[in-house]
């Protein structure tokens, strides 16, 4: 049965024909190609490689970028792609988000013409995969404290250090890596797979994002040509600009996970019968839960839509994106937990998507800026006082 969405406030009326077409195309893709395979991949701890080519052909990678084969969609259409992919699985949305917002975007924004011409068409077509190396074993929420170093020696840079919790790390053909120079400034570099001194190691036995590859990147006297530095990077702010792009997509993605959980809970409530042979949806407590879930999702939809409008107008601020990421992921996690409760024991089975979404969202709640860090970003925006230290 195809998914029909949730649209209590007729938000579809605000969408253009192109935005609706994009949303419905991705929705059909998720129903037809993702949902039939994702539970098996999740349980096996494998990424669905078979979906990479179809996603590339549909234009998902770098969809809101112009040129180099990219679709050039507006940011609302891009957000709808993220929403529907995460309705399938957070790991799948992460894969597409990393490829576009964290690899293609920094090359597009900070790269040389040669770097763009070499990598962007390959990344857009899925011929090459990428990853983004910022987080380290000892610096997550405080990336400015990174220990990875880059030394300029002649016409080369020598990288030493490690990056942690990197999506797509071991399968990436190119890594966008952030390292600190000897003068303390932070720069972006492109490190290609197979470069001597560059190694990866996957994390295993995860309870969350199991259908996603998560790796450690290791640099030991890793020599790259000077031409692999992203020439327009001017410091940590550029890395954070990439994170803002990705966090915007996550705000939409949280809505997608919530939609999947609400849909499963609603269907269960209407089908499951208890007491007097009545569906549990006839009971007040169950209706209250559904009403809260619907209200939360609707507010999340409106928040995402407004962020998209601001982004398309060139007015979107990073603290506004923090609100979207913080609130919509927290909303999705609450929705998943309530849905799991409504399904009872069945809520832990892979026949239903709820527990998978709930487990995935525990990671989404933490990555791309933890819930608490986004709280402090909003606190600084409100008061003008940074409270990070």
Protein backbone atom coordinates (compact mmCIF):
# COMPACT_ATOMS: atom_id res chain seq x y z
CA UNK A 1 0.00 0.00 0.00
CA UNK A 2 1.48 3.34 -1.03
CA UNK A 3 2.02 6.11 1.52
CA UNK A 4 -0.34 9.08 1.23
CA UNK A 5 1.34 11.43 3.69
CA UNK A 6 0.02 13.63 6.48
CA UNK A 7 -1.31 17.05 5.56
CA UNK A 8 -3.68 18.31 8.23
CA UNK A 9 -3.18 22.01 7.37
CA UNK A 10 -3.19 21.56 3.57
CA UNK A 11 0.50 22.40 3.33
CA UNK A 12 0.51 20.77 -0.11
CA UNK A 13 -1.37 23.84 -1.30
CA UNK A 14 1.78 25.86 -0.59
CA UNK A 15 3.95 23.63 -2.78
CA UNK A 16 4.62 24.28 -6.47
CA UNK A 17 3.91 21.67 -9.12
CA UNK A 18 7.64 20.91 -9.34
CA UNK A 19 7.96 20.50 -5.57
CA UNK A 20 4.98 18.15 -5.48
CA UNK A 21 6.38 16.17 -8.42
CA UNK A 22 9.76 15.82 -6.69
CA UNK A 23 8.13 14.77 -3.41
CA UNK A 24 5.86 12.22 -5.07
CA UNK A 25 8.73 10.82 -7.17
CA UNK A 26 10.88 10.23 -4.10
CA UNK A 27 7.87 8.93 -2.17
CA UNK A 28 7.23 6.32 -4.86
CA UNK A 29 10.93 5.41 -4.95
CA UNK A 30 10.94 4.84 -1.20
CA UNK A 31 7.75 2.76 -1.32
CA UNK A 32 8.85 0.67 -4.29
CA UNK A 33 12.58 0.24 -3.81
CA UNK A 34 13.59 1.16 -0.26
CA UNK A 35 10.96 -0.28 2.06
CA UNK A 36 11.06 -3.80 0.55
CA UNK A 37 14.79 -4.17 1.34
CA UNK A 38 15.69 -1.81 4.17
CA UNK A 39 14.74 -4.00 7.14
CA UNK A 40 16.91 -6.87 5.87
CA UNK A 41 19.84 -4.52 5.37
CA UNK A 42 19.31 -3.00 8.81
CA UNK A 43 19.24 -6.38 10.51
CA UNK A 44 22.33 -7.51 8.58
CA UNK A 45 24.17 -4.24 9.24
CA UNK A 46 24.73 -3.54 5.53
CA UNK A 47 24.14 -0.53 3.30
CA UNK A 48 21.80 -1.06 0.32
CA UNK A 49 24.36 -0.50 -2.45
CA UNK A 50 21.76 -1.44 -5.04
CA UNK A 51 20.00 1.88 -4.41
CA UNK A 52 22.98 4.11 -5.29
CA UNK A 53 22.52 4.03 -9.08
CA UNK A 54 18.73 4.58 -9.00
CA UNK A 55 19.19 7.52 -6.60
CA UNK A 56 21.82 9.04 -8.88
CA UNK A 57 19.60 8.60 -11.92
CA UNK A 58 16.76 10.37 -10.10
CA UNK A 59 19.06 13.30 -9.35
CA UNK A 60 19.19 13.02 -5.55
CA UNK A 61 22.91 13.81 -5.21
CA UNK A 62 23.58 17.54 -4.94
CA UNK A 63 19.99 18.16 -6.03
CA UNK A 64 20.00 21.82 -4.95
CA UNK A 65 23.28 22.69 -6.71
CA UNK A 66 23.55 24.24 -10.17
CA UNK A 67 25.55 22.81 -13.05
CA UNK A 68 27.85 19.76 -13.25
CA UNK A 69 24.83 17.57 -13.97
CA UNK A 70 23.03 18.61 -10.77
CA UNK A 71 19.27 19.05 -10.76
CA UNK A 72 19.31 22.70 -9.62
CA UNK A 73 16.19 22.29 -7.48
CA UNK A 74 15.08 24.87 -4.95
CA UNK A 75 15.63 24.15 -1.28
CA UNK A 76 12.05 23.17 -0.51
CA UNK A 77 12.19 20.47 -3.19
CA UNK A 78 15.57 19.39 -1.81
CA UNK A 79 14.10 19.25 1.70
CA UNK A 80 11.24 17.08 0.49
CA UNK A 81 13.80 14.64 -0.93
CA UNK A 82 15.43 14.44 2.50
CA UNK A 83 12.03 14.00 4.17
CA UNK A 84 10.99 11.09 2.01
CA UNK A 85 14.39 9.36 2.13
CA UNK A 86 14.36 9.47 5.92
CA UNK A 87 10.84 8.11 5.89
CA UNK A 88 12.61 5.12 4.38
CA UNK A 89 15.60 5.12 6.72
CA UNK A 90 17.85 7.65 8.44
CA UNK A 91 20.91 5.86 7.08
CA UNK A 92 19.74 6.35 3.51
CA UNK A 93 19.09 10.05 4.05
CA UNK A 94 22.49 10.33 5.72
CA UNK A 95 24.15 8.80 2.67
CA UNK A 96 22.53 11.29 0.28
CA UNK A 97 22.98 14.20 2.70
CA UNK A 98 26.71 13.52 3.08
CA UNK A 99 27.20 13.13 -0.66
CA UNK A 100 25.46 16.41 -1.46
CA UNK A 101 25.70 18.76 1.52
CA UNK A 102 29.04 17.67 2.99
CA UNK A 103 31.08 16.62 -0.05
CA UNK A 104 29.67 18.22 -3.18
CA UNK A 105 28.77 21.50 -1.47
CA UNK A 106 32.28 22.24 -0.07
CA UNK A 107 33.87 21.37 -3.42
CA UNK A 108 31.26 23.56 -5.14
CA UNK A 109 31.68 26.45 -2.70
CA UNK A 110 35.38 26.30 -1.81
CA UNK A 111 37.03 24.25 -4.54
CA UNK A 112 39.08 25.23 -7.58
CA UNK A 113 37.63 24.98 -11.07
CA UNK A 114 39.76 21.87 -11.64
CA UNK A 115 38.46 20.24 -8.46
CA UNK A 116 34.87 21.00 -9.38
CA UNK A 117 35.23 19.70 -12.91
CA UNK A 118 36.93 16.53 -11.73
CA UNK A 119 34.70 15.58 -8.81
CA UNK A 120 31.24 17.11 -9.06
CA UNK A 121 30.05 15.21 -12.17
CA UNK A 122 31.37 11.95 -10.71
CA UNK A 123 29.71 12.57 -7.34
CA UNK A 124 26.42 13.64 -8.93
CA UNK A 125 26.28 10.50 -11.08
CA UNK A 126 27.25 8.18 -8.25
CA UNK A 127 30.41 7.15 -10.10
CA UNK A 128 32.30 8.44 -7.06
CA UNK A 129 31.29 8.49 -3.40
CA UNK A 130 32.47 10.95 -0.77
CA UNK A 131 32.76 11.47 2.97
CA UNK A 132 33.31 14.45 5.29
CA UNK A 133 36.03 14.31 7.91
CA UNK A 134 35.61 16.83 10.73
CA UNK A 135 34.73 14.99 13.97
CA UNK A 136 37.65 13.41 15.84
CA UNK A 137 37.93 10.91 18.71
CA UNK A 138 38.67 13.77 21.14
CA UNK A 139 36.77 16.65 19.52
CA UNK A 140 33.13 16.30 18.60
CA UNK A 141 31.10 19.28 19.79
CA UNK A 142 34.24 21.43 19.79
CA UNK A 143 35.74 20.91 16.31
CA UNK A 144 38.09 23.85 16.72
CA UNK A 145 40.07 21.66 19.12
CA UNK A 146 40.96 19.21 16.34
CA UNK A 147 44.31 17.43 16.48
CA UNK A 148 44.63 16.47 12.81
CA UNK A 149 47.52 18.48 11.39
CA UNK A 150 48.58 19.44 7.87
CA UNK A 151 52.16 20.52 7.17
CA UNK A 152 53.08 22.26 3.93
CA UNK A 153 56.27 20.74 2.52
CA UNK A 154 57.17 21.96 -0.95
CA UNK A 155 54.32 21.18 -3.32
CA UNK A 156 52.69 18.76 -0.87
CA UNK A 157 50.76 18.71 2.39
CA UNK A 158 51.43 15.99 4.96
CA UNK A 159 48.41 15.00 7.06
CA UNK A 160 48.60 13.27 10.44
CA UNK A 161 45.66 12.49 12.72
CA UNK A 162 42.33 10.71 12.82
CA UNK A 163 38.65 11.40 12.21
CA UNK A 164 35.82 9.53 13.94
CA UNK A 165 32.20 8.58 13.19
CA UNK A 166 32.48 9.31 9.47
CA UNK A 167 29.52 8.25 7.31
CA UNK A 168 30.61 6.45 4.12
CA UNK A 169 34.24 6.61 5.26
CA UNK A 170 35.51 3.25 4.01
CA UNK A 171 33.65 3.34 0.69
CA UNK A 172 34.39 6.94 -0.22
CA UNK A 173 36.51 7.68 -3.27
CA UNK A 174 37.28 11.14 -1.90
CA UNK A 175 37.27 12.51 1.64
CA UNK A 176 36.78 16.19 2.44
CA UNK A 177 39.13 16.46 5.42
CA UNK A 178 39.59 19.41 7.76
CA UNK A 179 43.01 19.86 9.33
CA UNK A 180 44.90 22.50 11.27
CA UNK A 181 47.94 24.14 9.72
CA UNK A 182 51.08 25.04 11.64
CA UNK A 183 49.80 28.63 12.05
CA UNK A 184 46.62 27.30 13.70
CA UNK A 185 44.24 28.02 10.82
CA UNK A 186 41.89 25.25 9.67
CA UNK A 187 41.75 24.28 6.01
CA UNK A 188 39.87 21.79 3.87
CA UNK A 189 41.64 19.12 1.82
CA UNK A 190 40.61 16.43 -0.65
CA UNK A 191 42.13 13.05 0.16
CA UNK A 192 41.59 10.34 -2.41
CA UNK A 193 41.04 6.68 -1.62
CA UNK A 194 44.25 4.69 -1.92
CA UNK A 195 46.55 7.57 -1.01
CA UNK A 196 49.56 6.17 0.91
CA UNK A 197 49.22 6.92 4.61
CA UNK A 198 45.40 7.08 4.45
CA UNK A 199 43.46 4.19 5.99
CA UNK A 200 39.93 3.54 7.23
CA UNK A 201 38.38 1.28 9.85
CA UNK A 202 34.65 0.64 10.15
CA UNK A 203 32.64 0.69 13.37
CA UNK A 204 30.75 -2.56 13.91
CA UNK A 205 28.04 -3.86 16.27
CA UNK A 206 26.05 -0.63 16.19
CA UNK A 207 22.55 -0.58 17.67
CA UNK A 208 21.64 2.43 15.50
CA UNK A 209 22.09 3.44 11.84
CA UNK A 210 22.86 -0.18 11.06
CA UNK A 211 22.06 0.30 7.35
CA UNK A 212 24.80 2.93 7.14
CA UNK A 213 28.58 2.67 6.90
CA UNK A 214 30.37 4.49 9.74
CA UNK A 215 34.14 4.65 9.79
CA UNK A 216 37.28 6.05 11.34
CA UNK A 217 39.72 7.84 9.01
CA UNK A 218 43.42 7.51 9.85
CA UNK A 219 46.19 9.72 8.44
CA UNK A 220 49.80 8.69 9.06
CA UNK A 221 52.31 10.76 7.11
CA UNK A 222 49.68 11.03 4.38
CA UNK A 223 51.07 13.07 1.51
CA UNK A 224 48.72 14.86 -0.86
CA UNK A 225 49.52 17.40 -3.59
CA UNK A 226 49.04 21.06 -2.75
CA UNK A 227 46.43 21.17 -5.51
CA UNK A 228 44.20 19.04 -3.26
CA UNK A 229 43.69 21.88 -0.79
CA UNK A 230 40.30 23.57 -1.13
CA UNK A 231 41.67 27.00 -2.08
CA UNK A 232 38.73 29.09 -0.92
CA UNK A 233 38.61 27.77 2.63
CA UNK A 234 39.37 30.43 5.22
CA UNK A 235 38.98 28.59 8.50
CA UNK A 236 36.61 26.56 10.65
CA UNK A 237 33.68 28.75 9.58
CA UNK A 238 33.72 27.04 6.18
CA UNK A 239 33.38 23.59 7.77
CA UNK A 240 30.50 24.92 9.85
CA UNK A 241 28.86 26.30 6.70
CA UNK A 242 28.84 22.72 5.36
CA UNK A 243 27.23 21.51 8.59
CA UNK A 244 24.52 24.15 8.22
CA UNK A 245 23.69 22.71 4.79
CA UNK A 246 23.44 19.20 6.21
CA UNK A 247 21.48 20.26 9.30
CA UNK A 248 18.90 21.90 7.07
CA UNK A 249 18.27 18.55 5.39
CA UNK A 250 18.08 16.80 8.75
CA UNK A 251 15.28 19.15 9.85
CA UNK A 252 13.22 17.82 6.94
CA UNK A 253 14.42 14.28 7.54
CA UNK A 254 13.12 14.26 11.10
CA UNK A 255 9.65 14.93 9.73
CA UNK A 256 10.05 11.91 7.44
CA UNK A 257 10.88 9.54 10.29
CA UNK A 258 7.93 10.89 12.28
CA UNK A 259 5.62 10.37 9.30
CA UNK A 260 6.65 6.71 9.05
CA UNK A 261 6.07 6.10 12.76
CA UNK A 262 2.74 7.94 12.84
CA UNK A 263 1.50 6.02 9.82
CA UNK A 264 2.41 2.68 11.40
CA UNK A 265 0.81 3.62 14.73
CA UNK A 266 -2.41 4.87 13.11
CA UNK A 267 -2.82 1.72 11.01
CA UNK A 268 -2.15 -0.47 14.02
CA UNK A 269 -4.64 1.42 16.18
CA UNK A 270 -7.37 0.99 13.58
CA UNK A 271 -6.67 -2.72 13.06
CA UNK A 272 -5.82 -3.94 16.56
CA UNK A 273 -8.90 -4.95 18.58
CA UNK A 274 -9.12 -5.28 22.36
CA UNK A 275 -12.01 -5.33 24.83
CA UNK A 276 -15.53 -5.55 23.36
CA UNK A 277 -13.89 -6.38 19.99
CA UNK A 278 -13.29 -2.67 19.30
CA UNK A 279 -10.20 -1.21 17.65
CA UNK A 280 -7.89 0.43 20.16
CA UNK A 281 -8.28 3.62 18.11
CA UNK A 282 -11.70 3.95 19.75
CA UNK A 283 -10.11 4.53 23.17
CA UNK A 284 -9.46 8.02 24.48
CA UNK A 285 -5.81 7.49 25.46
CA UNK A 286 -4.94 6.20 22.00
CA UNK A 287 -6.73 9.07 20.30
CA UNK A 288 -4.89 11.53 22.53
CA UNK A 289 -1.55 10.05 21.47
CA UNK A 290 -2.48 10.26 17.80
CA UNK A 291 -3.65 13.86 18.19
CA UNK A 292 -0.36 14.89 19.82
CA UNK A 293 1.66 13.11 17.13
CA UNK A 294 -0.35 14.79 14.37
CA UNK A 295 0.06 18.22 15.94
CA UNK A 296 3.80 17.76 16.42
CA UNK A 297 4.32 16.58 12.83
CA UNK A 298 2.29 19.47 11.45
CA UNK A 299 4.38 22.00 13.38
CA UNK A 300 7.52 20.29 12.12
CA UNK A 301 6.28 20.53 8.54
CA UNK A 302 5.63 24.23 8.90
CA UNK A 303 9.03 24.82 10.48
CA UNK A 304 10.82 22.99 7.67
CA UNK A 305 8.82 24.79 4.99
CA UNK A 306 9.65 28.21 6.43
CA UNK A 307 13.35 27.32 6.66
CA UNK A 308 13.19 26.36 2.99
CA UNK A 309 11.61 29.66 2.06
CA UNK A 310 14.31 31.58 3.92
CA UNK A 311 17.07 29.48 2.35
CA UNK A 312 15.75 30.12 -1.15
CA UNK A 313 15.62 33.84 -0.35
CA UNK A 314 19.22 33.81 0.87
CA UNK A 315 18.12 34.87 4.34
CA UNK A 316 18.54 31.65 6.33
CA UNK A 317 20.69 31.95 9.48
CA UNK A 318 22.58 29.10 11.12
CA UNK A 319 20.70 29.57 14.41
CA UNK A 320 17.39 29.15 12.58
CA UNK A 321 18.72 25.88 11.14
CA UNK A 322 19.68 24.84 14.69
CA UNK A 323 16.06 25.30 15.74
CA UNK A 324 14.92 23.12 12.85
CA UNK A 325 17.42 20.34 13.52
CA UNK A 326 16.92 20.42 17.28
CA UNK A 327 13.15 20.55 17.39
CA UNK A 328 12.28 18.26 14.48
CA UNK A 329 14.64 15.47 15.51
CA UNK A 330 13.42 15.64 19.11
CA UNK A 331 9.85 15.60 17.80
CA UNK A 332 10.57 12.57 15.63
CA UNK A 333 12.16 10.68 18.53
CA UNK A 334 9.15 11.40 20.76
CA UNK A 335 6.83 10.26 17.98
CA UNK A 336 8.79 7.05 17.47
CA UNK A 337 8.71 6.24 21.18
CA UNK A 338 4.96 6.83 21.43
CA UNK A 339 4.37 4.76 18.31
CA UNK A 340 6.46 1.92 19.75
CA UNK A 341 4.34 2.08 22.91
CA UNK A 342 1.10 1.94 20.91
CA UNK A 343 2.23 -1.14 19.00
CA UNK A 344 3.00 -2.95 22.24
CA UNK A 345 5.25 -5.99 21.87
CA UNK A 346 4.92 -5.81 18.09
CA UNK A 347 6.69 -2.47 18.23
CA UNK A 348 10.05 -4.21 18.62
CA UNK A 349 9.65 -6.42 15.54
CA UNK A 350 11.21 -5.70 12.16
CA UNK A 351 7.83 -6.29 10.52
CA UNK A 352 7.14 -2.71 11.56
CA UNK A 353 9.47 0.27 10.95
CA UNK A 354 9.02 1.93 14.32
CA UNK A 355 11.85 0.52 16.42
CA UNK A 356 14.31 0.92 13.55
CA UNK A 357 13.40 4.60 13.27
CA UNK A 358 13.53 5.01 17.04
CA UNK A 359 17.03 3.50 17.22
CA UNK A 360 18.25 5.52 14.23
CA UNK A 361 16.93 8.76 15.68
CA UNK A 362 19.04 8.28 18.80
CA UNK A 363 22.04 8.85 16.53
CA UNK A 364 20.45 11.67 14.55
CA UNK A 365 19.68 13.35 17.90
CA UNK A 366 23.44 13.37 18.56
CA UNK A 367 25.17 13.91 15.22
CA UNK A 368 25.50 17.14 13.23
CA UNK A 369 25.45 19.02 16.52
CA UNK A 370 23.96 17.38 19.61
CA UNK A 371 20.56 18.42 20.93
CA UNK A 372 22.26 20.28 23.79
CA UNK A 373 24.71 22.11 21.51
CA UNK A 374 21.83 23.37 19.37
CA UNK A 375 20.10 24.44 22.59
CA UNK A 376 23.17 26.54 23.42
CA UNK A 377 23.30 27.98 19.89
CA UNK A 378 19.72 29.17 20.38
CA UNK A 379 20.58 30.39 23.88
CA UNK A 380 23.40 32.52 22.49
CA UNK A 381 21.07 33.83 19.79
CA UNK A 382 18.53 34.85 22.42
CA UNK A 383 20.90 36.37 24.99
CA UNK A 384 24.02 37.27 23.05
CA UNK A 385 26.02 35.27 25.59
CA UNK A 386 27.93 32.12 24.51
CA UNK A 387 27.62 29.42 27.16
CA UNK A 388 29.70 26.64 25.59
CA UNK A 389 32.57 26.83 28.05
